[in-house]
PDB file of N, CA and C in Angstrom:
ATOM      1  N   UNK A   1     -36.731  14.698  20.026  1.00  0.00           N
ATOM      2  CA  UNK A   1     -37.015  15.833  19.750  1.00  0.00           C
ATOM      3  C   UNK A   1     -37.277  16.415  21.354  1.00  0.00           C
ATOM      4  N   UNK A   2     -36.637  17.698  21.162  1.00  0.00           N
ATOM      5  CA  UNK A   2     -37.026  18.251  22.722  1.00  0.00           C
ATOM      6  C   UNK A   2     -38.214  19.062  22.968  1.00  0.00           C
ATOM      7  N   UNK A   3     -38.646  19.647  24.623  1.00  0.00           N
ATOM      8  CA  UNK A   3     -40.116  20.400  24.147  1.00  0.00           C
ATOM      9  C   UNK A   3     -39.417  21.561  24.835  1.00  0.00           C
ATOM     10  N   UNK A   4     -40.103  22.658  25.237  1.00  0.00           N
ATOM     11  CA  UNK A   4     -40.227  23.772  25.741  1.00  0.00           C
ATOM     12  C   UNK A   4     -41.634  24.254  26.189  1.00  0.00           C
ATOM     13  N   UNK A   5     -42.282  24.554  27.157  1.00  0.00           N
ATOM     14  CA  UNK A   5     -43.552  25.161  27.550  1.00  0.00           C
ATOM     15  C   UNK A   5     -43.122  26.300  27.583  1.00  0.00           C
ATOM     16  N   UNK A   6     -44.451  27.104  27.042  1.00  0.00           N
ATOM     17  CA  UNK A   6     -44.636  28.755  27.453  1.00  0.00           C
ATOM     18  C   UNK A   6     -46.118  28.651  27.919  1.00  0.00           C
ATOM     19  N   UNK A   7     -46.221  29.530  28.790  1.00  0.00           N
ATOM     20  CA  UNK A   7     -47.415  29.613  28.942  1.00  0.00           C
ATOM     21  C   UNK A   7     -48.246  31.216  28.399  1.00  0.00           C
ATOM     22  N   UNK A   8     -49.341  31.145  28.095  1.00  0.00           N
ATOM     23  CA  UNK A   8     -50.459  31.896  27.135  1.00  0.00           C
ATOM     24  C   UNK A   8     -51.335  32.595  28.191  1.00  0.00           C
ATOM     25  N   UNK A   9     -51.488  33.771  28.066  1.00  0.00           N
ATOM     26  CA  UNK A   9     -52.783  34.365  28.841  1.00  0.00           C
ATOM     27  C   UNK A   9     -53.706  35.173  27.663  1.00  0.00           C
ATOM     28  N   UNK A  10     -54.625  34.579  27.732  1.00  0.00           N
ATOM     29  CA  UNK A  10     -55.731  35.370  26.774  1.00  0.00           C
ATOM     30  C   UNK A  10     -56.364  34.611  26.034  1.00  0.00           C
ATOM     31  N   UNK A  11     -56.096  33.065  25.352  1.00  0.00           N
ATOM     32  CA  UNK A  11     -56.630  32.746  24.846  1.00  0.00           C
ATOM     33  C   UNK A  11     -58.124  32.321  25.413  1.00  0.00           C
ATOM     34  N   UNK A  12     -59.359  32.306  24.372  1.00  0.00           N
ATOM     35  CA  UNK A  12     -60.603  31.788  24.573  1.00  0.00           C
ATOM     36  C   UNK A  12     -60.994  30.736  23.804  1.00  0.00           C
ATOM     37  N   UNK A  13     -60.808  30.503  22.905  1.00  0.00           N
ATOM     38  CA  UNK A  13     -61.387  29.893  21.774  1.00  0.00           C
ATOM     39  C   UNK A  13     -60.376  29.010  20.603  1.00  0.00           C
ATOM     40  N   UNK A  14     -61.198  27.922  20.215  1.00  0.00           N
ATOM     41  CA  UNK A  14     -60.189  27.066  19.618  1.00  0.00           C
ATOM     42  C   UNK A  14     -59.200  27.845  18.452  1.00  0.00           C
ATOM     43  N   UNK A  15     -60.115  28.745  18.093  1.00  0.00           N
ATOM     44  CA  UNK A  15     -59.246  29.657  17.142  1.00  0.00           C
ATOM     45  C   UNK A  15     -58.273  30.239  17.625  1.00  0.00           C
ATOM     46  N   UNK A  16     -57.996  30.732  18.717  1.00  0.00           N
ATOM     47  CA  UNK A  16     -56.913  31.130  19.471  1.00  0.00           C
ATOM     48  C   UNK A  16     -55.583  30.457  19.595  1.00  0.00           C
ATOM     49  N   UNK A  17     -56.562  29.228  19.534  1.00  0.00           N
ATOM     50  CA  UNK A  17     -55.276  28.240  19.321  1.00  0.00           C
ATOM     51  C   UNK A  17     -54.522  27.723  17.823  1.00  0.00           C
ATOM     52  N   UNK A  18     -55.478  27.694  16.998  1.00  0.00           N
ATOM     53  CA  UNK A  18     -55.357  27.421  15.856  1.00  0.00           C
ATOM     54  C   UNK A  18     -54.296  28.520  14.980  1.00  0.00           C
ATOM     55  N   UNK A  19     -54.629  29.808  15.676  1.00  0.00           N
ATOM     56  CA  UNK A  19     -53.677  30.884  15.237  1.00  0.00           C
ATOM     57  C   UNK A  19     -52.451  30.879  15.943  1.00  0.00           C
ATOM     58  N   UNK A  20     -52.047  30.702  17.212  1.00  0.00           N
ATOM     59  CA  UNK A  20     -50.790  30.541  17.643  1.00  0.00           C
ATOM     60  C   UNK A  20     -50.280  29.189  17.171  1.00  0.00           C
ATOM     61  N   UNK A  21     -51.091  28.423  17.033  1.00  0.00           N
ATOM     62  CA  UNK A  21     -50.373  26.891  16.443  1.00  0.00           C
ATOM     63  C   UNK A  21     -49.430  27.388  15.186  1.00  0.00           C
ATOM     64  N   UNK A  22     -50.287  27.922  14.504  1.00  0.00           N
ATOM     65  CA  UNK A  22     -49.927  28.582  12.842  1.00  0.00           C
ATOM     66  C   UNK A  22     -48.330  29.396  13.049  1.00  0.00           C
ATOM     67  N   UNK A  23     -48.886  30.188  13.807  1.00  0.00           N
ATOM     68  CA  UNK A  23     -47.740  31.331  14.071  1.00  0.00           C
ATOM     69  C   UNK A  23     -46.609  31.350  14.694  1.00  0.00           C
ATOM     70  N   UNK A  24     -46.541  30.233  15.665  1.00  0.00           N
ATOM     71  CA  UNK A  24     -45.472  29.567  16.402  1.00  0.00           C
ATOM     72  C   UNK A  24     -44.411  29.000  15.624  1.00  0.00           C
ATOM     73  N   UNK A  25     -44.959  28.457  14.704  1.00  0.00           N
ATOM     74  CA  UNK A  25     -44.242  27.827  13.727  1.00  0.00           C
ATOM     75  C   UNK A  25     -43.798  28.732  12.704  1.00  0.00           C
ATOM     76  N   UNK A  26     -43.744  29.513  12.535  1.00  0.00           N
ATOM     77  CA  UNK A  26     -42.966  30.156  11.518  1.00  0.00           C
ATOM     78  C   UNK A  26     -41.310  30.681  12.394  1.00  0.00           C
ATOM     79  N   UNK A  27     -41.646  30.887  13.932  1.00  0.00           N
ATOM     80  CA  UNK A  27     -40.051  30.824  14.616  1.00  0.00           C
ATOM     81  C   UNK A  27     -39.083  29.905  14.246  1.00  0.00           C
ATOM     82  N   UNK A  28     -38.083  30.552  14.023  1.00  0.00           N
ATOM     83  CA  UNK A  28     -37.191  29.875  13.592  1.00  0.00           C
ATOM     84  C   UNK A  28     -36.488  28.509  14.728  1.00  0.00           C
ATOM     85  N   UNK A  29     -36.082  27.536  14.268  1.00  0.00           N
ATOM     86  CA  UNK A  29     -35.988  26.394  15.384  1.00  0.00           C
ATOM     87  C   UNK A  29     -37.620  25.739  15.934  1.00  0.00           C
ATOM     88  N   UNK A  30     -38.337  25.998  15.740  1.00  0.00           N
ATOM     89  CA  UNK A  30     -39.757  25.586  16.133  1.00  0.00           C
ATOM     90  C   UNK A  30     -39.785  24.531  14.858  1.00  0.00           C
ATOM     91  N   UNK A  31     -40.153  23.005  15.601  1.00  0.00           N
ATOM     92  CA  UNK A  31     -40.423  21.970  14.516  1.00  0.00           C
ATOM     93  C   UNK A  31     -41.989  21.423  14.601  1.00  0.00           C
ATOM     94  N   UNK A  32     -42.493  21.863  15.656  1.00  0.00           N
ATOM     95  CA  UNK A  32     -43.696  21.545  15.900  1.00  0.00           C
ATOM     96  C   UNK A  32     -44.043  21.753  17.185  1.00  0.00           C
ATOM     97  N   UNK A  33     -45.502  22.442  17.136  1.00  0.00           N
ATOM     98  CA  UNK A  33     -46.268  23.629  18.289  1.00  0.00           C
ATOM     99  C   UNK A  33     -47.305  22.397  18.594  1.00  0.00           C
ATOM    100  N   UNK A  34     -48.024  22.540  19.976  1.00  0.00           N
ATOM    101  CA  UNK A  34     -49.118  22.049  21.082  1.00  0.00           C
ATOM    102  C   UNK A  34     -49.376  23.075  21.504  1.00  0.00           C
ATOM    103  N   UNK A  35     -50.578  23.821  21.055  1.00  0.00           N
ATOM    104  CA  UNK A  35     -51.487  24.826  21.973  1.00  0.00           C
ATOM    105  C   UNK A  35     -52.445  24.472  22.773  1.00  0.00           C
ATOM    106  N   UNK A  36     -52.346  24.515  23.729  1.00  0.00           N
ATOM    107  CA  UNK A  36     -53.850  24.008  24.478  1.00  0.00           C
ATOM    108  C   UNK A  36     -54.568  24.955  25.345  1.00  0.00           C
ATOM    109  N   UNK A  37     -55.570  25.712  25.100  1.00  0.00           N
ATOM    110  CA  UNK A  37     -56.579  27.185  25.466  1.00  0.00           C
ATOM    111  C   UNK A  37     -56.654  26.735  26.834  1.00  0.00           C
ATOM    112  N   UNK A  38     -57.002  25.364  27.119  1.00  0.00           N
ATOM    113  CA  UNK A  38     -57.834  24.875  28.457  1.00  0.00           C
ATOM    114  C   UNK A  38     -56.865  25.268  29.613  1.00  0.00           C
ATOM    115  N   UNK A  39     -55.241  24.791  29.467  1.00  0.00           N
ATOM    116  CA  UNK A  39     -54.389  24.733  30.109  1.00  0.00           C
ATOM    117  C   UNK A  39     -53.435  26.049  29.953  1.00  0.00           C
ATOM    118  N   UNK A  40     -53.776  26.830  28.730  1.00  0.00           N
ATOM    119  CA  UNK A  40     -53.067  27.870  28.760  1.00  0.00           C
ATOM    120  C   UNK A  40     -51.829  27.649  28.598  1.00  0.00           C
ATOM    121  N   UNK A  41     -50.924  26.929  27.961  1.00  0.00           N
ATOM    122  CA  UNK A  41     -49.621  26.220  27.677  1.00  0.00           C
ATOM    123  C   UNK A  41     -49.748  26.299  26.193  1.00  0.00           C
ATOM    124  N   UNK A  42     -48.343  26.228  25.559  1.00  0.00           N
ATOM    125  CA  UNK A  42     -48.246  25.939  24.193  1.00  0.00           C
ATOM    126  C   UNK A  42     -46.677  25.070  24.442  1.00  0.00           C
ATOM    127  N   UNK A  43     -46.857  23.781  23.583  1.00  0.00           N
ATOM    128  CA  UNK A  43     -45.946  22.985  24.235  1.00  0.00           C
ATOM    129  C   UNK A  43     -44.885  23.515  22.787  1.00  0.00           C
ATOM    130  N   UNK A  44     -43.651  24.058  22.357  1.00  0.00           N
ATOM    131  CA  UNK A  44     -42.716  24.002  21.513  1.00  0.00           C
ATOM    132  C   UNK A  44     -41.874  23.098  21.254  1.00  0.00           C
ATOM    133  N   UNK A  45     -41.988  22.412  20.144  1.00  0.00           N
ATOM    134  CA  UNK A  45     -40.926  21.157  19.946  1.00  0.00           C
ATOM    135  C   UNK A  45     -39.936  21.645  19.142  1.00  0.00           C
ATOM    136  N   UNK A  46     -38.530  21.428  19.367  1.00  0.00           N
ATOM    137  CA  UNK A  46     -37.421  21.717  18.525  1.00  0.00           C
ATOM    138  C   UNK A  46     -36.381  20.574  18.647  1.00  0.00           C
ATOM    139  N   UNK A  47     -35.440  20.943  17.510  1.00  0.00           N
ATOM    140  CA  UNK A  47     -34.512  19.798  17.768  1.00  0.00           C
ATOM    141  C   UNK A  47     -33.152  20.211  18.561  1.00  0.00           C
ATOM    142  N   UNK A  48     -32.059  21.165  18.358  1.00  0.00           N
ATOM    143  CA  UNK A  48     -31.288  21.153  18.957  1.00  0.00           C
ATOM    144  C   UNK A  48     -30.871  22.375  20.040  1.00  0.00           C
ATOM    145  N   UNK A  49     -31.016  23.410  19.173  1.00  0.00           N
ATOM    146  CA  UNK A  49     -31.391  24.623  20.190  1.00  0.00           C
ATOM    147  C   UNK A  49     -32.496  25.002  20.475  1.00  0.00           C
ATOM    148  N   UNK A  50     -32.595  25.684  21.522  1.00  0.00           N
ATOM    149  CA  UNK A  50     -34.442  26.178  21.509  1.00  0.00           C
ATOM    150  C   UNK A  50     -34.630  27.600  20.822  1.00  0.00           C
ATOM    151  N   UNK A  51     -35.709  27.479  20.411  1.00  0.00           N
ATOM    152  CA  UNK A  51     -36.266  28.830  19.700  1.00  0.00           C
ATOM    153  C   UNK A  51     -35.717  29.954  20.769  1.00  0.00           C
ATOM    154  N   UNK A  52     -35.782  31.311  20.440  1.00  0.00           N
ATOM    155  CA  UNK A  52     -35.483  32.325  20.913  1.00  0.00           C
ATOM    156  C   UNK A  52     -36.852  32.547  21.875  1.00  0.00           C
ATOM    157  N   UNK A  53     -36.817  32.839  23.298  1.00  0.00           N
ATOM    158  CA  UNK A  53     -38.306  32.847  23.967  1.00  0.00           C
ATOM    159  C   UNK A  53     -38.743  34.376  23.521  1.00  0.00           C
ATOM    160  N   UNK A  54     -37.954  35.281  23.499  1.00  0.00           N
ATOM    161  CA  UNK A  54     -38.546  36.931  22.712  1.00  0.00           C
ATOM    162  C   UNK A  54     -39.040  36.738  21.449  1.00  0.00           C
ATOM    163  N   UNK A  55     -38.571  35.703  20.473  1.00  0.00           N
ATOM    164  CA  UNK A  55     -39.187  35.927  19.034  1.00  0.00           C
ATOM    165  C   UNK A  55     -40.804  35.228  19.596  1.00  0.00           C
ATOM    166  N   UNK A  56     -40.926  34.259  20.410  1.00  0.00           N
ATOM    167  CA  UNK A  56     -42.142  33.582  20.396  1.00  0.00           C
ATOM    168  C   UNK A  56     -43.190  34.277  21.459  1.00  0.00           C
ATOM    169  N   UNK A  57     -42.294  35.354  22.065  1.00  0.00           N
ATOM    170  CA  UNK A  57     -43.441  36.342  22.742  1.00  0.00           C
ATOM    171  C   UNK A  57     -43.754  37.514  21.980  1.00  0.00           C
ATOM    172  N   UNK A  58     -43.235  37.728  21.427  1.00  0.00           N
ATOM    173  CA  UNK A  58     -43.363  38.798  20.148  1.00  0.00           C
ATOM    174  C   UNK A  58     -44.495  38.408  19.016  1.00  0.00           C
ATOM    175  N   UNK A  59     -44.615  36.939  18.835  1.00  0.00           N
ATOM    176  CA  UNK A  59     -45.744  36.640  17.856  1.00  0.00           C
ATOM    177  C   UNK A  59     -46.347  36.977  18.835  1.00  0.00           C
ATOM    178  N   UNK A  60     -46.601  36.577  20.041  1.00  0.00           N
ATOM    179  CA  UNK A  60     -47.974  36.080  20.898  1.00  0.00           C
ATOM    180  C   UNK A  60     -48.534  37.397  21.154  1.00  0.00           C
ATOM    181  N   UNK A  61     -47.140  38.170  21.379  1.00  0.00           N
ATOM    182  CA  UNK A  61     -48.199  39.506  21.623  1.00  0.00           C
ATOM    183  C   UNK A  61     -48.655  40.189  20.215  1.00  0.00           C
ATOM    184  N   UNK A  62     -48.201  40.331  19.593  1.00  0.00           N
ATOM    185  CA  UNK A  62     -48.630  40.620  17.809  1.00  0.00           C
ATOM    186  C   UNK A  62     -50.112  40.370  17.770  1.00  0.00           C
ATOM    187  N   UNK A  63     -50.791  39.368  18.564  1.00  0.00           N
ATOM    188  CA  UNK A  63     -52.016  38.906  18.415  1.00  0.00           C
ATOM    189  C   UNK A  63     -52.526  38.978  19.638  1.00  0.00           C
ATOM    190  N   UNK A  64     -52.117  39.842  20.605  1.00  0.00           N
ATOM    191  CA  UNK A  64     -52.823  40.456  21.501  1.00  0.00           C
ATOM    192  C   UNK A  64     -53.087  39.227  22.810  1.00  0.00           C
ATOM    193  N   UNK A  65     -52.033  38.231  23.052  1.00  0.00           N
ATOM    194  CA  UNK A  65     -51.372  37.642  24.082  1.00  0.00           C
ATOM    195  C   UNK A  65     -50.528  37.797  24.707  1.00  0.00           C
ATOM    196  N   UNK A  66     -50.611  37.545  26.357  1.00  0.00           N
ATOM    197  CA  UNK A  66     -49.272  37.633  27.260  1.00  0.00           C
ATOM    198  C   UNK A  66     -48.720  36.324  26.870  1.00  0.00           C
ATOM    199  N   UNK A  67     -47.359  36.131  26.987  1.00  0.00           N
ATOM    200  CA  UNK A  67     -46.523  34.659  27.169  1.00  0.00           C
ATOM    201  C   UNK A  67     -45.499  34.861  27.999  1.00  0.00           C
ATOM    202  N   UNK A  68     -45.284  33.584  28.810  1.00  0.00           N
ATOM    203  CA  UNK A  68     -44.213  33.908  29.748  1.00  0.00           C
ATOM    204  C   UNK A  68     -43.610  32.278  30.188  1.00  0.00           C
ATOM    205  N   UNK A  69     -42.512  32.373  30.327  1.00  0.00           N
ATOM    206  CA  UNK A  69     -41.564  31.310  30.467  1.00  0.00           C
ATOM    207  C   UNK A  69     -42.250  30.305  31.578  1.00  0.00           C
ATOM    208  N   UNK A  70     -42.381  31.055  32.850  1.00  0.00           N
ATOM    209  CA  UNK A  70     -42.871  30.121  34.019  1.00  0.00           C
ATOM    210  C   UNK A  70     -43.959  30.651  34.368  1.00  0.00           C
ATOM    211  N   UNK A  71     -44.898  29.579  34.810  1.00  0.00           N
ATOM    212  CA  UNK A  71     -46.304  30.034  35.169  1.00  0.00           C
ATOM    213  C   UNK A  71     -46.749  31.038  36.101  1.00  0.00           C
ATOM    214  N   UNK A  72     -47.720  32.222  35.236  1.00  0.00           N
ATOM    215  CA  UNK A  72     -47.652  33.310  35.954  1.00  0.00           C
ATOM    216  C   UNK A  72     -48.526  33.347  37.125  1.00  0.00           C
ATOM    217  N   UNK A  73     -48.451  34.050  38.597  1.00  0.00           N
ATOM    218  CA  UNK A  73     -49.191  33.708  39.291  1.00  0.00           C
ATOM    219  C   UNK A  73     -50.280  34.701  39.524  1.00  0.00           C
ATOM    220  N   UNK A  74     -51.077  33.818  40.084  1.00  0.00           N
ATOM    221  CA  UNK A  74     -52.718  34.721  40.034  1.00  0.00           C
ATOM    222  C   UNK A  74     -52.921  35.002  40.944  1.00  0.00           C
ATOM    223  N   UNK A  75     -53.163  36.958  40.935  1.00  0.00           N
ATOM    224  CA  UNK A  75     -53.583  37.765  41.566  1.00  0.00           C
ATOM    225  C   UNK A  75     -54.504  37.487  42.658  1.00  0.00           C
ATOM    226  N   UNK A  76     -54.894  37.388  43.512  1.00  0.00           N
ATOM    227  CA  UNK A  76     -56.133  37.040  44.232  1.00  0.00           C
ATOM    228  C   UNK A  76     -56.740  38.540  44.802  1.00  0.00           C
ATOM    229  N   UNK A  77     -57.849  38.728  44.990  1.00  0.00           N
ATOM    230  CA  UNK A  77     -58.950  39.895  44.959  1.00  0.00           C
ATOM    231  C   UNK A  77     -58.846  39.938  46.076  1.00  0.00           C
ATOM    232  N   UNK A  78     -58.856  41.166  46.756  1.00  0.00           N
ATOM    233  CA  UNK A  78     -59.345  41.318  48.553  1.00  0.00           C
ATOM    234  C   UNK A  78     -60.982  41.272  48.488  1.00  0.00           C
ATOM    235  N   UNK A  79     -61.265  41.110  49.266  1.00  0.00           N
ATOM    236  CA  UNK A  79     -62.787  41.165  49.563  1.00  0.00           C
ATOM    237  C   UNK A  79     -62.846  42.361  50.232  1.00  0.00           C
ATOM    238  N   UNK A  80     -63.809  43.470  49.585  1.00  0.00           N
ATOM    239  CA  UNK A  80     -63.940  44.762  49.909  1.00  0.00           C
ATOM    240  C   UNK A  80     -65.408  44.767  51.105  1.00  0.00           C
ATOM    241  N   UNK A  81     -64.883  44.619  52.333  1.00  0.00           N
ATOM    242  CA  UNK A  81     -65.985  44.545  53.398  1.00  0.00           C
ATOM    243  C   UNK A  81     -66.914  45.898  53.326  1.00  0.00           C
ATOM    244  N   UNK A  82     -66.579  46.853  53.157  1.00  0.00           N
ATOM    245  CA  UNK A  82     -67.541  47.904  53.586  1.00  0.00           C
ATOM    246  C   UNK A  82     -68.174  48.176  51.805  1.00  0.00           C
ATOM    247  N   UNK A  83     -67.456  47.967  51.070  1.00  0.00           N
ATOM    248  CA  UNK A  83     -68.935  47.838  50.162  1.00  0.00           C
ATOM    249  C   UNK A  83     -69.548  46.844  49.978  1.00  0.00           C
ATOM    250  N   UNK A  84     -69.338  45.579  50.241  1.00  0.00           N
ATOM    251  CA  UNK A  84     -70.125  44.747  50.443  1.00  0.00           C
ATOM    252  C   UNK A  84     -71.577  44.971  51.936  1.00  0.00           C
ATOM    253  N   UNK A  85     -70.869  46.074  52.738  1.00  0.00           N
ATOM    254  CA  UNK A  85     -71.678  46.124  53.571  1.00  0.00           C
ATOM    255  C   UNK A  85     -72.902  46.888  53.173  1.00  0.00           C
ATOM    256  N   UNK A  86     -72.355  47.986  52.567  1.00  0.00           N
ATOM    257  CA  UNK A  86     -73.403  49.383  51.854  1.00  0.00           C
ATOM    258  C   UNK A  86     -73.961  48.201  50.836  1.00  0.00           C
ATOM    259  N   UNK A  87     -73.728  47.199  49.916  1.00  0.00           N
ATOM    260  CA  UNK A  87     -74.369  46.710  49.221  1.00  0.00           C
ATOM    261  C   UNK A  87     -75.837  45.925  49.943  1.00  0.00           C
ATOM    262  N   UNK A  88     -75.300  45.436  51.238  1.00  0.00           N
ATOM    263  CA  UNK A  88     -76.484  44.657  51.970  1.00  0.00           C
ATOM    264  C   UNK A  88     -77.629  45.873  52.669  1.00  0.00           C
ATOM    265  N   UNK A  89     -76.726  46.629  52.954  1.00  0.00           N
ATOM    266  CA  UNK A  89     -77.906  48.039  53.667  1.00  0.00           C
ATOM    267  C   UNK A  89     -78.673  48.203  52.797  1.00  0.00           C
ATOM    268  N   UNK A  90     -78.250  48.399  51.571  1.00  0.00           N
ATOM    269  CA  UNK A  90     -78.809  48.958  50.615  1.00  0.00           C
ATOM    270  C   UNK A  90     -79.982  48.064  49.935  1.00  0.00           C
ATOM    271  N   UNK A  91     -79.469  46.556  49.804  1.00  0.00           N
ATOM    272  CA  UNK A  91     -80.385  45.879  49.665  1.00  0.00           C
ATOM    273  C   UNK A  91     -81.726  45.471  50.493  1.00  0.00           C
ATOM    274  N   UNK A  92     -81.227  45.342  52.123  1.00  0.00           N
ATOM    275  CA  UNK A  92     -82.141  45.426  53.209  1.00  0.00           C
ATOM    276  C   UNK A  92     -83.134  46.678  53.011  1.00  0.00           C
ATOM    277  N   UNK A  93     -82.596  47.657  52.643  1.00  0.00           N
ATOM    278  CA  UNK A  93     -83.727  49.025  52.777  1.00  0.00           C
ATOM    279  C   UNK A  93     -84.747  49.221  51.512  1.00  0.00           C
ATOM    280  N   UNK A  94     -83.983  48.536  50.950  1.00  0.00           N
ATOM    281  CA  UNK A  94     -85.039  48.457  49.267  1.00  0.00           C
ATOM    282  C   UNK A  94     -86.196  47.071  49.650  1.00  0.00           C
ATOM    283  N   UNK A  95     -85.531  46.189  50.512  1.00  0.00           N
ATOM    284  CA  UNK A  95     -86.606  45.210  50.995  1.00  0.00           C
ATOM    285  C   UNK A  95     -88.138  45.586  51.947  1.00  0.00           C
ATOM    286  N   UNK A  96     -87.149  46.200  52.626  1.00  0.00           N
ATOM    287  CA  UNK A  96     -88.263  47.035  53.890  1.00  0.00           C
ATOM    288  C   UNK A  96     -89.065  48.190  53.177  1.00  0.00           C
ATOM    289  N   UNK A  97     -88.477  48.720  52.095  1.00  0.00           N
ATOM    290  CA  UNK A  97     -89.601  49.755  51.516  1.00  0.00           C
ATOM    291  C   UNK A  97     -90.318  48.582  50.559  1.00  0.00           C
ATOM    292  N   UNK A  98     -90.280  47.702  50.065  1.00  0.00           N
ATOM    293  CA  UNK A  98     -91.282  46.822  49.355  1.00  0.00           C
ATOM    294  C   UNK A  98     -92.080  46.463  50.224  1.00  0.00           C
TER     295      UNK A  98
END
């Protein structure tokens, strides 16, 4: 049996795993599924031909999840130093006033 990994964003509980596990099995060509919410991965097991990724993505989207064929890059937030400066200044004023 062959496997294909797809990356899922939006899972947060065991019910998410169970739902996707059951729903991915309805896609043509899927023989077995193993969903891991902690790793944000679904392993799709198939035989001859890989299931259509668009169909898998559609199933995930229907329930509010995003699916990707490759691991999505995590956007890093920039530190907003002026906002931190304001917050520290306000905190300092409150401490002085106290």
